Amino acid sequence: MGPDMDAKSLGRAAYGAARVSPQRLAIAAAADATVERAFSVDELAADVRRRDPGIGLATGYRAVAAMEAAGF
């Protein structure tokens, strides 16, 4: 998506019309930052948890499923 994209635009790009919580936004930002390589949800969740330990693995899986459904 790009470094100049604001949080609201990133949330809409990642999740479409779905609700975008701060946790989902953090996960979308981490996914957007790793677009140059493949990653697993476990890797993505670990990266996000380094910044916000309150985000659990299940949240990561749900967020990635929502991003995939939205075409991100």
Protein backbone atom coordinates (compact mmCIF):
# COMPACT_ATOMS: atom_id res chain seq x y z
CA MET A 1 0.00 0.00 0.00
CA GLY A 2 2.82 2.38 0.70
CA PRO A 3 4.41 4.41 3.49
CA ASP A 4 2.33 7.53 2.78
CA MET A 5 -1.00 5.77 3.37
CA ASP A 6 -2.82 6.99 6.47
CA ALA A 7 -4.31 4.58 9.02
CA LYS A 8 -7.89 5.02 7.83
CA SER A 9 -6.96 4.30 4.21
CA LEU A 10 -4.90 1.27 5.22
CA GLY A 11 -7.81 -0.06 7.28
CA ARG A 12 -10.23 0.31 4.38
CA ALA A 13 -7.77 -1.28 1.94
CA ALA A 14 -7.13 -4.21 4.26
CA TYR A 15 -10.63 -4.88 5.55
CA GLY A 16 -13.05 -3.18 3.18
CA ALA A 17 -16.19 -2.11 4.98
CA ALA A 18 -15.51 -4.33 8.02
CA ARG A 19 -14.88 -2.87 11.45
CA VAL A 20 -11.27 -1.83 11.96
CA SER A 21 -10.07 -2.05 15.56
CA PRO A 22 -6.67 -0.77 16.67
CA GLN A 23 -5.52 -4.40 16.84
CA ARG A 24 -6.64 -5.10 13.27
CA LEU A 25 -4.97 -1.92 12.10
CA ALA A 26 -1.68 -2.97 13.75
CA ILE A 27 -1.90 -6.35 12.03
CA ALA A 28 -2.67 -4.75 8.65
CA ALA A 29 0.27 -2.38 9.04
CA ALA A 30 2.60 -5.29 9.85
CA ALA A 31 1.30 -7.25 6.84
CA ASP A 32 1.70 -4.20 4.61
CA ALA A 33 5.29 -3.79 5.79
CA THR A 34 6.14 -7.38 4.79
CA VAL A 35 4.65 -7.45 1.28
CA GLU A 36 8.04 -8.15 -0.29
CA ARG A 37 8.12 -11.68 1.15
CA ALA A 38 5.83 -14.50 2.17
CA PHE A 39 5.00 -14.81 5.85
CA SER A 40 2.95 -17.02 8.10
CA VAL A 41 0.25 -15.78 10.44
CA ASP A 42 2.41 -16.95 13.33
CA GLU A 43 5.31 -14.75 12.13
CA LEU A 44 2.99 -11.80 11.61
CA ALA A 45 1.42 -12.21 15.04
CA ALA A 46 4.84 -12.49 16.69
CA ASP A 47 5.92 -9.26 14.98
CA VAL A 48 2.77 -7.46 16.12
CA ARG A 49 3.05 -8.85 19.69
CA ARG A 50 6.56 -7.41 20.01
CA ARG A 51 4.92 -3.99 19.71
CA ASP A 52 1.65 -4.80 21.49
CA PRO A 53 1.79 -7.90 23.71
CA GLY A 54 -1.99 -7.74 24.23
CA ILE A 55 -2.71 -8.92 20.67
CA GLY A 56 -3.20 -12.67 20.67
CA LEU A 57 -2.58 -15.27 18.01
CA ALA A 58 -6.31 -15.88 17.51
CA THR A 59 -6.77 -12.17 16.76
CA GLY A 60 -4.02 -12.47 14.16
CA TYR A 61 -5.73 -15.39 12.45
CA ARG A 62 -9.12 -13.65 12.44
CA ALA A 63 -7.59 -10.43 11.09
CA VAL A 64 -5.71 -12.23 8.32
CA ALA A 65 -8.88 -14.12 7.36
CA ALA A 66 -10.76 -10.82 7.20
CA MET A 67 -8.00 -9.25 5.09
CA GLU A 68 -8.04 -12.21 2.72
CA ALA A 69 -11.83 -11.99 2.41
CA ALA A 70 -11.50 -8.30 1.57
CA GLY A 71 -8.89 -9.05 -1.12
CA PHE A 72 -5.89 -7.57 0.69
